[in-house]
Amino acid sequence: MYVLIKAGLASMWELKTCYTLDEALKLYALYRMDQDVEAGRAEELAKGVS
């Protein structure tokens, strides 16, 4: 869950008091999915430039 804090998506206080574990895991999954999409776009752009 520290990844969420480092990414600025949630604070430790929010994770402890506002989110259930299920909600925090969903937020983490969405964050990782967004990272994967961005990496895919960067890869497509790199292939297109070559």
PDB file of N, CA and C in Angstrom:
ATOM      1  N   MET A   1       0.802  -1.192   0.000  1.00  0.00           N
ATOM      2  CA  MET A   1       0.000   0.000   0.000  1.00  0.00           C
ATOM      3  C   MET A   1       0.851   1.264   0.000  1.00  0.00           C
ATOM      4  N   TYR A   2       2.140   1.087   0.329  1.00  0.00           N
ATOM      5  CA  TYR A   2       3.015   2.254   0.328  1.00  0.00           C
ATOM      6  C   TYR A   2       3.176   2.833  -1.070  1.00  0.00           C
ATOM      7  N   VAL A   3       2.936   2.011  -2.090  1.00  0.00           N
ATOM      8  CA  VAL A   3       2.987   2.500  -3.470  1.00  0.00           C
ATOM      9  C   VAL A   3       1.927   3.577  -3.671  1.00  0.00           C
ATOM     10  N   LEU A   4       0.765   3.400  -3.087  1.00  0.00           N
ATOM     11  CA  LEU A   4      -0.307   4.392  -3.208  1.00  0.00           C
ATOM     12  C   LEU A   4       0.090   5.704  -2.550  1.00  0.00           C
ATOM     13  N   ILE A   5       0.783   5.609  -1.429  1.00  0.00           N
ATOM     14  CA  ILE A   5       1.228   6.819  -0.731  1.00  0.00           C
ATOM     15  C   ILE A   5       2.303   7.520  -1.555  1.00  0.00           C
ATOM     16  N   LYS A   6       3.279   6.742  -2.028  1.00  0.00           N
ATOM     17  CA  LYS A   6       4.369   7.323  -2.814  1.00  0.00           C
ATOM     18  C   LYS A   6       3.851   7.972  -4.096  1.00  0.00           C
ATOM     19  N   ALA A   7       2.849   7.370  -4.705  1.00  0.00           N
ATOM     20  CA  ALA A   7       2.272   7.909  -5.936  1.00  0.00           C
ATOM     21  C   ALA A   7       1.371   9.111  -5.662  1.00  0.00           C
ATOM     22  N   GLY A   8       1.086   9.382  -4.402  1.00  0.00           N
ATOM     23  CA  GLY A   8       0.241  10.515  -4.057  1.00  0.00           C
ATOM     24  C   GLY A   8      -1.238  10.240  -4.235  1.00  0.00           C
ATOM     25  N   LEU A   9      -1.593   8.972  -4.302  1.00  0.00           N
ATOM     26  CA  LEU A   9      -3.000   8.622  -4.486  1.00  0.00           C
ATOM     27  C   LEU A   9      -3.762   8.544  -3.164  1.00  0.00           C
ATOM     28  N   ALA A  10      -3.044   8.298  -2.089  1.00  0.00           N
ATOM     29  CA  ALA A  10      -3.683   8.202  -0.776  1.00  0.00           C
ATOM     30  C   ALA A  10      -2.640   8.476   0.295  1.00  0.00           C
ATOM     31  N   SER A  11      -3.102   8.935   1.429  1.00  0.00           N
ATOM     32  CA  SER A  11      -2.212   9.121   2.572  1.00  0.00           C
ATOM     33  C   SER A  11      -2.358   7.916   3.502  1.00  0.00           C
ATOM     34  N   MET A  12      -1.416   7.788   4.415  1.00  0.00           N
ATOM     35  CA  MET A  12      -1.498   6.690   5.387  1.00  0.00           C
ATOM     36  C   MET A  12      -2.780   6.821   6.199  1.00  0.00           C
ATOM     37  N   TRP A  13      -3.125   8.046   6.569  1.00  0.00           N
ATOM     38  CA  TRP A  13      -4.362   8.275   7.321  1.00  0.00           C
ATOM     39  C   TRP A  13      -5.573   7.790   6.526  1.00  0.00           C
ATOM     40  N   GLU A  14      -5.614   8.117   5.231  1.00  0.00           N
ATOM     41  CA  GLU A  14      -6.736   7.675   4.398  1.00  0.00           C
ATOM     42  C   GLU A  14      -6.794   6.153   4.317  1.00  0.00           C
ATOM     43  N   LEU A  15      -5.635   5.522   4.129  1.00  0.00           N
ATOM     44  CA  LEU A  15      -5.618   4.065   4.031  1.00  0.00           C
ATOM     45  C   LEU A  15      -6.081   3.403   5.322  1.00  0.00           C
ATOM     46  N   LYS A  16      -5.747   4.008   6.455  1.00  0.00           N
ATOM     47  CA  LYS A  16      -6.130   3.415   7.737  1.00  0.00           C
ATOM     48  C   LYS A  16      -7.576   3.701   8.113  1.00  0.00           C
ATOM     49  N   THR A  17      -8.106   4.861   7.706  1.00  0.00           N
ATOM     50  CA  THR A  17      -9.423   5.257   8.208  1.00  0.00           C
ATOM     51  C   THR A  17     -10.517   5.314   7.151  1.00  0.00           C
ATOM     52  N   CYS A  18     -10.174   5.571   5.914  1.00  0.00           N
ATOM     53  CA  CYS A  18     -11.204   5.819   4.895  1.00  0.00           C
ATOM     54  C   CYS A  18     -11.447   4.642   3.956  1.00  0.00           C
ATOM     55  N   TYR A  19     -10.414   3.861   3.708  1.00  0.00           N
ATOM     56  CA  TYR A  19     -10.514   2.783   2.737  1.00  0.00           C
ATOM     57  C   TYR A  19     -10.561   1.427   3.428  1.00  0.00           C
ATOM     58  N   THR A  20     -11.386   0.536   2.884  1.00  0.00           N
ATOM     59  CA  THR A  20     -11.300  -0.855   3.305  1.00  0.00           C
ATOM     60  C   THR A  20     -10.147  -1.472   2.520  1.00  0.00           C
ATOM     61  N   LEU A  21      -9.722  -2.648   2.915  1.00  0.00           N
ATOM     62  CA  LEU A  21      -8.642  -3.319   2.194  1.00  0.00           C
ATOM     63  C   LEU A  21      -9.047  -3.556   0.746  1.00  0.00           C
ATOM     64  N   ASP A  22     -10.267  -3.943   0.521  1.00  0.00           N
ATOM     65  CA  ASP A  22     -10.762  -4.194  -0.824  1.00  0.00           C
ATOM     66  C   ASP A  22     -10.694  -2.929  -1.679  1.00  0.00           C
ATOM     67  N   GLU A  23     -11.093  -1.802  -1.116  1.00  0.00           N
ATOM     68  CA  GLU A  23     -11.050  -0.540  -1.859  1.00  0.00           C
ATOM     69  C   GLU A  23      -9.619  -0.126  -2.163  1.00  0.00           C
ATOM     70  N   ALA A  24      -8.730  -0.310  -1.199  1.00  0.00           N
ATOM     71  CA  ALA A  24      -7.319   0.047  -1.411  1.00  0.00           C
ATOM     72  C   ALA A  24      -6.706  -0.837  -2.487  1.00  0.00           C
ATOM     73  N   LEU A  25      -7.045  -2.113  -2.496  1.00  0.00           N
ATOM     74  CA  LEU A  25      -6.524  -3.009  -3.524  1.00  0.00           C
ATOM     75  C   LEU A  25      -7.065  -2.656  -4.906  1.00  0.00           C
ATOM     76  N   LYS A  26      -8.302  -2.236  -4.981  1.00  0.00           N
ATOM     77  CA  LYS A  26      -8.863  -1.797  -6.259  1.00  0.00           C
ATOM     78  C   LYS A  26      -8.164  -0.533  -6.754  1.00  0.00           C
ATOM     79  N   LEU A  27      -7.890   0.397  -5.840  1.00  0.00           N
ATOM     80  CA  LEU A  27      -7.166   1.606  -6.203  1.00  0.00           C
ATOM     81  C   LEU A  27      -5.774   1.265  -6.716  1.00  0.00           C
ATOM     82  N   TYR A  28      -5.103   0.327  -6.061  1.00  0.00           N
ATOM     83  CA  TYR A  28      -3.780  -0.113  -6.497  1.00  0.00           C
ATOM     84  C   TYR A  28      -3.855  -0.766  -7.882  1.00  0.00           C
ATOM     85  N   ALA A  29      -4.867  -1.593  -8.102  1.00  0.00           N
ATOM     86  CA  ALA A  29      -5.028  -2.259  -9.403  1.00  0.00           C
ATOM     87  C   ALA A  29      -5.256  -1.225 -10.506  1.00  0.00           C
ATOM     88  N   LEU A  30      -6.060  -0.218 -10.240  1.00  0.00           N
ATOM     89  CA  LEU A  30      -6.285   0.834 -11.232  1.00  0.00           C
ATOM     90  C   LEU A  30      -5.006   1.610 -11.515  1.00  0.00           C
ATOM     91  N   TYR A  31      -4.226   1.868 -10.477  1.00  0.00           N
ATOM     92  CA  TYR A  31      -2.953   2.564 -10.635  1.00  0.00           C
ATOM     93  C   TYR A  31      -1.999   1.757 -11.515  1.00  0.00           C
ATOM     94  N   ARG A  32      -1.889   0.446 -11.236  1.00  0.00           N
ATOM     95  CA  ARG A  32      -1.007  -0.415 -12.036  1.00  0.00           C
ATOM     96  C   ARG A  32      -1.498  -0.522 -13.481  1.00  0.00           C
ATOM     97  N   MET A  33      -2.804  -0.598 -13.674  1.00  0.00           N
ATOM     98  CA  MET A  33      -3.356  -0.680 -15.017  1.00  0.00           C
ATOM     99  C   MET A  33      -3.027   0.590 -15.797  1.00  0.00           C
ATOM    100  N   ASP A  34      -3.121   1.728 -15.153  1.00  0.00           N
ATOM    101  CA  ASP A  34      -2.784   2.988 -15.796  1.00  0.00           C
ATOM    102  C   ASP A  34      -1.306   3.020 -16.180  1.00  0.00           C
ATOM    103  N   GLN A  35      -0.448   2.507 -15.302  1.00  0.00           N
ATOM    104  CA  GLN A  35       0.981   2.441 -15.616  1.00  0.00           C
ATOM    105  C   GLN A  35       1.234   1.541 -16.823  1.00  0.00           C
ATOM    106  N   ASP A  36       0.548   0.411 -16.889  1.00  0.00           N
ATOM    107  CA  ASP A  36       0.709  -0.509 -18.011  1.00  0.00           C
ATOM    108  C   ASP A  36       0.265   0.124 -19.323  1.00  0.00           C
ATOM    109  N   VAL A  37      -0.831   0.865 -19.285  1.00  0.00           N
ATOM    110  CA  VAL A  37      -1.329   1.534 -20.490  1.00  0.00           C
ATOM    111  C   VAL A  37      -0.322   2.576 -20.962  1.00  0.00           C
ATOM    112  N   GLU A  38       0.212   3.353 -20.019  1.00  0.00           N
ATOM    113  CA  GLU A  38       1.203   4.367 -20.390  1.00  0.00           C
ATOM    114  C   GLU A  38       2.455   3.727 -20.974  1.00  0.00           C
ATOM    115  N   ALA A  39       2.893   2.616 -20.413  1.00  0.00           N
ATOM    116  CA  ALA A  39       4.074   1.923 -20.939  1.00  0.00           C
ATOM    117  C   ALA A  39       3.802   1.392 -22.343  1.00  0.00           C
ATOM    118  N   GLY A  40       2.618   0.889 -22.574  1.00  0.00           N
ATOM    119  CA  GLY A  40       2.244   0.407 -23.906  1.00  0.00           C
ATOM    120  C   GLY A  40       2.222   1.527 -24.932  1.00  0.00           C
ATOM    121  N   ARG A  41       1.693   2.658 -24.529  1.00  0.00           N
ATOM    122  CA  ARG A  41       1.678   3.823 -25.444  1.00  0.00           C
ATOM    123  C   ARG A  41       3.089   4.283 -25.770  1.00  0.00           C
ATOM    124  N   ALA A  42       3.953   4.317 -24.755  1.00  0.00           N
ATOM    125  CA  ALA A  42       5.346   4.735 -24.980  1.00  0.00           C
ATOM    126  C   ALA A  42       6.042   3.742 -25.902  1.00  0.00           C
ATOM    127  N   GLU A  43       5.756   2.474 -25.742  1.00  0.00           N
ATOM    128  CA  GLU A  43       6.353   1.446 -26.602  1.00  0.00           C
ATOM    129  C   GLU A  43       5.868   1.612 -28.052  1.00  0.00           C
ATOM    130  N   GLU A  44       4.597   1.871 -28.224  1.00  0.00           N
ATOM    131  CA  GLU A  44       4.059   2.100 -29.581  1.00  0.00           C
ATOM    132  C   GLU A  44       4.685   3.305 -30.227  1.00  0.00           C
ATOM    133  N   LEU A  45       4.853   4.377 -29.464  1.00  0.00           N
ATOM    134  CA  LEU A  45       5.488   5.575 -29.999  1.00  0.00           C
ATOM    135  C   LEU A  45       6.930   5.313 -30.379  1.00  0.00           C
ATOM    136  N   ALA A  46       7.639   4.547 -29.567  1.00  0.00           N
ATOM    137  CA  ALA A  46       9.039   4.225 -29.843  1.00  0.00           C
ATOM    138  C   ALA A  46       9.152   3.384 -31.114  1.00  0.00           C
ATOM    139  N   LYS A  47       8.246   2.455 -31.319  1.00  0.00           N
ATOM    140  CA  LYS A  47       8.256   1.622 -32.530  1.00  0.00           C
ATOM    141  C   LYS A  47       7.926   2.457 -33.751  1.00  0.00           C
ATOM    142  N   GLY A  48       7.028   3.416 -33.588  1.00  0.00           N
ATOM    143  CA  GLY A  48       6.618   4.251 -34.708  1.00  0.00           C
ATOM    144  C   GLY A  48       7.714   5.194 -35.164  1.00  0.00           C
ATOM    145  N   VAL A  49       8.551   5.629 -34.244  1.00  0.00           N
ATOM    146  CA  VAL A  49       9.629   6.563 -34.558  1.00  0.00           C
ATOM    147  C   VAL A  49      10.778   5.848 -35.245  1.00  0.00           C
ATOM    148  N   SER A  50      11.044   4.604 -34.875  1.00  0.00           N
ATOM    149  CA  SER A  50      12.181   3.861 -35.416  1.00  0.00           C
ATOM    150  C   SER A  50      12.078   3.641 -36.899  1.00  0.00           C
TER     151      SER A  50
END
